[in-house]
Amino acid sequence: MTAALLEPFPTDWSRALCVVAHPDDLEYGAAVAVANWVRSGRSVSYLLVTRGEAGIDSLHPDDCGRVREAEERASAACVGVGAVDFLSEHHDGVVEYGLPLRRDLAAALRLGRPDIVVGIHFGLAWGGGAYNQADHRHVGLALLDAVRDAGNRWIFSELNEFSEPWSGTRLVAMAGSPSPTHAQPVTDADLTAGVDSLRCHELYLSALGGEFDPESFLTSNAVAAGDQAGVPLAVSFEVFRP
């Protein structure tokens, strides 16, 4: 095992809010870390900007949204997360970066008051040159901005009627980044829970076709991140600080 190239993920926090565009976004790695955090006694909740209603070609969006929402709730339960919310004003495939999305995310941050926020990579491309999906890019950037928006009572001041500003979020951690900075060590049990969590997206994964194997995918990523962190298994994150 090589010398650690990634910093240890911070441990001085109690509450996390995970915010992504679609059901299944967290399950390609971040959920393995979530399993570890929940097992250690931390509070983790999920917020999905869409219901993934445009994700299965053979299903009408109304039906697809119901299926994918149910799959996400079952998936979250595998890693010990019971609080799963969806924003109804934003739709799969056409999420726009802008003030309405920033406002909705700032409102959620004010209410949830998380110490940390977790999302997924929002850059133009993944490693290897494959370009990133528009919803991922827009949600990730809006999430970074909303962390600051939530702490300023004069931005989206209409929220003051319902909640106090929140500036206690200390970091935003993006999973799946090709430029990670930190790693959360995980156990075999966390990895198993994460694999089960990804497998809960059964209908969606089957609709994608191919021979995708959740266990092989998550295991290889956890081993690779562990090599960079100097531990057997890990989940890597790119960490941003407000």
Protein backbone atom coordinates (compact mmCIF):
# COMPACT_ATOMS: atom_id res chain seq x y z
CA MET A 1 0.00 0.00 0.00
CA THR A 2 1.38 3.42 -0.98
CA ALA A 3 1.78 6.46 1.25
CA ALA A 4 -1.45 8.35 1.79
CA LEU A 5 -2.18 10.88 -0.95
CA LEU A 6 -5.58 11.96 0.38
CA GLU A 7 -6.32 13.71 3.64
CA PRO A 8 -8.54 11.97 6.22
CA PHE A 9 -12.18 13.02 5.99
CA PRO A 10 -13.08 15.31 8.91
CA THR A 11 -14.73 13.67 11.91
CA ASP A 12 -15.81 16.72 13.92
CA TRP A 13 -19.41 16.86 12.71
CA SER A 14 -22.81 15.40 13.61
CA ARG A 15 -25.33 16.15 10.83
CA ALA A 16 -25.03 15.68 7.07
CA LEU A 17 -27.42 16.55 4.26
CA CYS A 18 -26.82 14.72 0.97
CA VAL A 19 -28.15 16.60 -2.05
CA VAL A 20 -28.15 15.19 -5.59
CA ALA A 21 -30.15 15.45 -8.78
CA HIS A 22 -31.46 11.90 -9.19
CA PRO A 23 -32.30 8.69 -7.37
CA ASP A 24 -29.19 6.46 -7.67
CA ASP A 25 -26.65 9.36 -7.79
CA LEU A 26 -25.48 8.77 -4.22
CA GLU A 27 -25.30 5.02 -4.60
CA TYR A 28 -22.26 4.93 -6.90
CA GLY A 29 -19.96 5.50 -3.93
CA ALA A 30 -21.16 8.12 -1.47
CA ALA A 31 -23.68 5.74 0.13
CA VAL A 32 -20.83 3.48 1.25
CA ALA A 33 -19.48 6.38 3.31
CA VAL A 34 -23.00 7.16 4.50
CA ALA A 35 -23.28 3.63 5.88
CA ASN A 36 -20.11 4.26 7.88
CA TRP A 37 -21.33 7.60 9.18
CA VAL A 38 -24.72 6.29 10.25
CA ARG A 39 -23.11 3.30 11.94
CA SER A 40 -20.91 5.70 13.92
CA GLY A 41 -23.96 7.57 15.22
CA ARG A 42 -24.15 10.53 12.87
CA SER A 43 -27.39 11.87 11.43
CA VAL A 44 -27.66 11.75 7.64
CA SER A 45 -30.59 12.79 5.47
CA TYR A 46 -31.14 12.80 1.70
CA LEU A 47 -32.61 15.46 -0.58
CA LEU A 48 -33.28 14.56 -4.22
CA VAL A 49 -33.85 17.49 -6.57
CA THR A 50 -35.84 15.31 -9.00
CA ARG A 51 -37.63 11.98 -8.88
CA GLY A 52 -35.65 10.64 -11.84
CA GLU A 53 -38.80 10.55 -13.91
CA ALA A 54 -37.06 10.74 -17.31
CA GLY A 55 -34.64 7.93 -16.55
CA ILE A 56 -36.35 4.89 -18.08
CA ASP A 57 -37.30 5.11 -21.74
CA SER A 58 -40.00 2.43 -21.53
CA LEU A 59 -41.87 4.12 -18.65
CA HIS A 60 -43.98 7.26 -18.75
CA PRO A 61 -42.48 9.90 -16.45
CA ASP A 62 -45.40 9.67 -14.01
CA ASP A 63 -44.86 5.94 -13.56
CA CYS A 64 -41.09 6.19 -13.67
CA GLY A 65 -41.03 8.83 -10.96
CA ARG A 66 -43.03 6.63 -8.62
CA VAL A 67 -40.78 3.64 -9.27
CA ARG A 68 -37.54 5.53 -8.81
CA GLU A 69 -38.72 7.30 -5.68
CA ALA A 70 -39.60 3.93 -4.14
CA GLU A 71 -36.23 2.50 -5.20
CA GLU A 72 -34.42 5.45 -3.61
CA ARG A 73 -36.26 5.10 -0.30
CA ALA A 74 -35.41 1.40 -0.17
CA SER A 75 -31.84 2.18 -1.15
CA ALA A 76 -31.46 4.78 1.60
CA ALA A 77 -32.81 2.32 4.17
CA CYS A 78 -30.00 -0.11 3.31
CA VAL A 79 -27.47 2.37 4.70
CA GLY A 80 -29.61 3.46 7.63
CA VAL A 81 -31.10 6.66 6.20
CA GLY A 82 -34.79 7.18 6.86
CA ALA A 83 -35.17 10.88 5.97
CA VAL A 84 -35.52 11.10 2.19
CA ASP A 85 -37.15 14.14 0.59
CA PHE A 86 -37.78 15.17 -3.02
CA LEU A 87 -38.22 18.62 -4.55
CA SER A 88 -41.34 18.63 -6.72
CA GLU A 89 -40.61 21.82 -8.68
CA HIS A 90 -37.60 20.51 -10.61
CA HIS A 91 -37.70 17.82 -13.28
CA ASP A 92 -35.30 15.14 -14.44
CA GLY A 93 -33.17 16.10 -17.40
CA VAL A 94 -34.13 19.79 -17.43
CA VAL A 95 -32.88 21.04 -14.05
CA GLU A 96 -31.74 24.63 -14.49
CA TYR A 97 -29.06 26.40 -12.53
CA GLY A 98 -30.60 29.62 -11.28
CA LEU A 99 -32.30 31.47 -8.47
CA PRO A 100 -35.26 29.10 -8.01
CA LEU A 101 -32.95 26.11 -7.45
CA ARG A 102 -30.61 28.10 -5.20
CA ARG A 103 -33.60 29.28 -3.18
CA ASP A 104 -35.01 25.77 -2.74
CA LEU A 105 -31.65 24.41 -1.65
CA ALA A 106 -31.00 27.32 0.71
CA ALA A 107 -34.41 26.70 2.29
CA ALA A 108 -33.54 23.04 2.83
CA LEU A 109 -30.20 23.96 4.38
CA ARG A 110 -31.83 26.46 6.72
CA LEU A 111 -34.29 23.82 7.88
CA GLY A 112 -31.85 20.90 8.12
CA ARG A 113 -28.93 22.95 9.52
CA PRO A 114 -26.28 20.39 8.50
CA ASP A 115 -22.66 20.53 9.60
CA ILE A 116 -21.60 19.12 6.24
CA VAL A 117 -23.22 18.78 2.83
CA VAL A 118 -22.55 15.92 0.43
CA GLY A 119 -23.11 15.92 -3.32
CA ILE A 120 -21.53 14.41 -6.42
CA HIS A 121 -19.03 15.69 -8.96
CA PHE A 122 -20.37 18.68 -10.89
CA GLY A 123 -17.52 19.39 -13.31
CA LEU A 124 -17.79 19.24 -17.05
CA ALA A 125 -16.30 15.74 -17.29
CA TRP A 126 -15.58 12.62 -15.31
CA GLY A 127 -12.12 11.10 -15.40
CA GLY A 128 -11.24 9.77 -18.84
CA GLY A 129 -13.01 12.55 -20.70
CA ALA A 130 -16.63 11.32 -20.44
CA TYR A 131 -18.72 14.44 -20.05
CA ASN A 132 -20.98 14.96 -17.05
CA GLN A 133 -24.76 15.11 -17.24
CA ALA A 134 -26.37 18.57 -17.14
CA ASP A 135 -28.46 17.99 -14.01
CA HIS A 136 -25.36 16.93 -12.06
CA ARG A 137 -23.51 20.07 -13.12
CA HIS A 138 -26.35 22.44 -12.33
CA VAL A 139 -27.28 20.91 -8.98
CA GLY A 140 -23.69 20.75 -7.77
CA LEU A 141 -22.95 24.37 -8.58
CA ALA A 142 -26.25 25.54 -7.10
CA LEU A 143 -25.52 23.53 -3.96
CA LEU A 144 -22.20 25.29 -3.43
CA ASP A 145 -23.88 28.66 -3.84
CA ALA A 146 -26.83 27.71 -1.63
CA VAL A 147 -24.51 26.90 1.28
CA ARG A 148 -23.54 30.58 1.33
CA ASP A 149 -27.04 31.78 0.48
CA ALA A 150 -28.43 29.95 3.51
CA GLY A 151 -26.31 32.04 5.87
CA ASN A 152 -27.33 35.43 4.51
CA ARG A 153 -30.69 36.72 5.66
CA TRP A 154 -30.82 39.29 2.85
CA ILE A 155 -30.52 36.71 0.08
CA PHE A 156 -33.95 35.08 -0.39
CA SER A 157 -35.20 37.17 2.52
CA GLU A 158 -38.66 35.67 2.08
CA LEU A 159 -37.28 32.58 3.81
CA ASN A 160 -36.88 34.57 7.03
CA GLU A 161 -40.59 34.08 7.69
CA PHE A 162 -40.05 30.34 8.03
CA SER A 163 -36.47 29.82 9.22
CA GLU A 164 -33.38 31.49 10.57
CA PRO A 165 -30.25 31.76 8.40
CA TRP A 166 -27.76 28.93 8.73
CA SER A 167 -24.03 29.48 8.26
CA GLY A 168 -22.88 26.41 10.18
CA THR A 169 -22.14 24.20 7.19
CA ARG A 170 -18.38 23.78 7.35
CA LEU A 171 -17.72 21.88 4.15
CA VAL A 172 -19.22 20.50 0.96
CA ALA A 173 -17.94 17.06 -0.06
CA MET A 174 -18.38 15.94 -3.67
CA ALA A 175 -18.17 12.20 -4.33
CA GLY A 176 -16.99 10.80 -7.65
CA SER A 177 -14.60 13.64 -8.36
CA PRO A 178 -11.61 12.93 -10.63
CA SER A 179 -9.66 15.32 -8.35
CA PRO A 180 -10.33 14.04 -4.82
CA THR A 181 -8.75 15.67 -1.77
CA HIS A 182 -10.04 13.58 1.16
CA ALA A 183 -10.97 9.97 1.90
CA GLN A 184 -13.39 8.38 4.33
CA PRO A 185 -12.14 4.96 5.45
CA VAL A 186 -14.88 2.32 5.31
CA THR A 187 -15.29 -1.28 6.39
CA ASP A 188 -16.36 -4.45 4.61
CA ALA A 189 -19.77 -4.06 6.27
CA ASP A 190 -20.11 -0.51 4.92
CA LEU A 191 -19.21 -1.73 1.45
CA THR A 192 -21.77 -4.54 1.63
CA ALA A 193 -24.46 -2.06 2.69
CA GLY A 194 -23.49 0.23 -0.19
CA VAL A 195 -23.69 -2.62 -2.68
CA ASP A 196 -27.15 -3.54 -1.39
CA SER A 197 -28.12 0.12 -1.64
CA LEU A 198 -27.12 0.36 -5.30
CA ARG A 199 -28.82 -2.94 -6.10
CA CYS A 200 -32.11 -1.48 -4.87
CA HIS A 201 -32.23 0.53 -8.10
CA GLU A 202 -33.11 -2.71 -9.83
CA LEU A 203 -35.53 -1.51 -12.49
CA TYR A 204 -33.40 1.51 -13.37
CA LEU A 205 -30.20 -0.52 -13.67
CA SER A 206 -31.90 -3.19 -15.74
CA ALA A 207 -33.21 -0.52 -18.10
CA LEU A 208 -29.65 0.68 -18.71
CA GLY A 209 -28.74 -2.73 -20.11
CA GLY A 210 -25.21 -4.09 -20.21
CA GLU A 211 -23.42 -6.17 -17.63
CA PHE A 212 -22.98 -3.65 -14.83
CA ASP A 213 -22.10 -5.34 -11.51
CA PRO A 214 -22.61 -3.12 -8.43
CA GLU A 215 -20.33 -5.23 -6.24
CA SER A 216 -17.39 -5.18 -8.64
CA PHE A 217 -17.82 -1.48 -9.37
CA LEU A 218 -18.01 -0.33 -5.75
CA THR A 219 -15.32 -2.72 -4.54
CA SER A 220 -12.79 -1.63 -7.16
CA ASN A 221 -13.46 2.04 -6.39
CA ALA A 222 -13.16 1.48 -2.63
CA VAL A 223 -9.88 -0.38 -3.05
CA ALA A 224 -8.48 2.34 -5.33
CA ALA A 225 -9.49 5.10 -2.91
CA GLY A 226 -8.06 3.06 -0.04
CA ASP A 227 -4.73 2.84 -1.85
CA GLN A 228 -4.67 6.63 -2.10
CA ALA A 229 -5.63 7.01 1.55
CA GLY A 230 -3.30 4.39 3.00
CA VAL A 231 -6.15 2.19 4.24
CA PRO A 232 -7.75 -1.03 2.90
CA LEU A 233 -11.02 0.56 1.75
CA ALA A 234 -12.21 4.15 1.41
CA VAL A 235 -14.55 6.56 -0.38
CA SER A 236 -12.92 9.63 -1.86
CA PHE A 237 -14.33 13.17 -1.94
CA GLU A 238 -13.34 16.56 -3.27
CA VAL A 239 -13.88 18.90 -0.33
CA PHE A 240 -14.86 22.56 -0.68
CA ARG A 241 -15.10 25.02 2.21
CA PRO A 242 -17.46 28.02 2.23
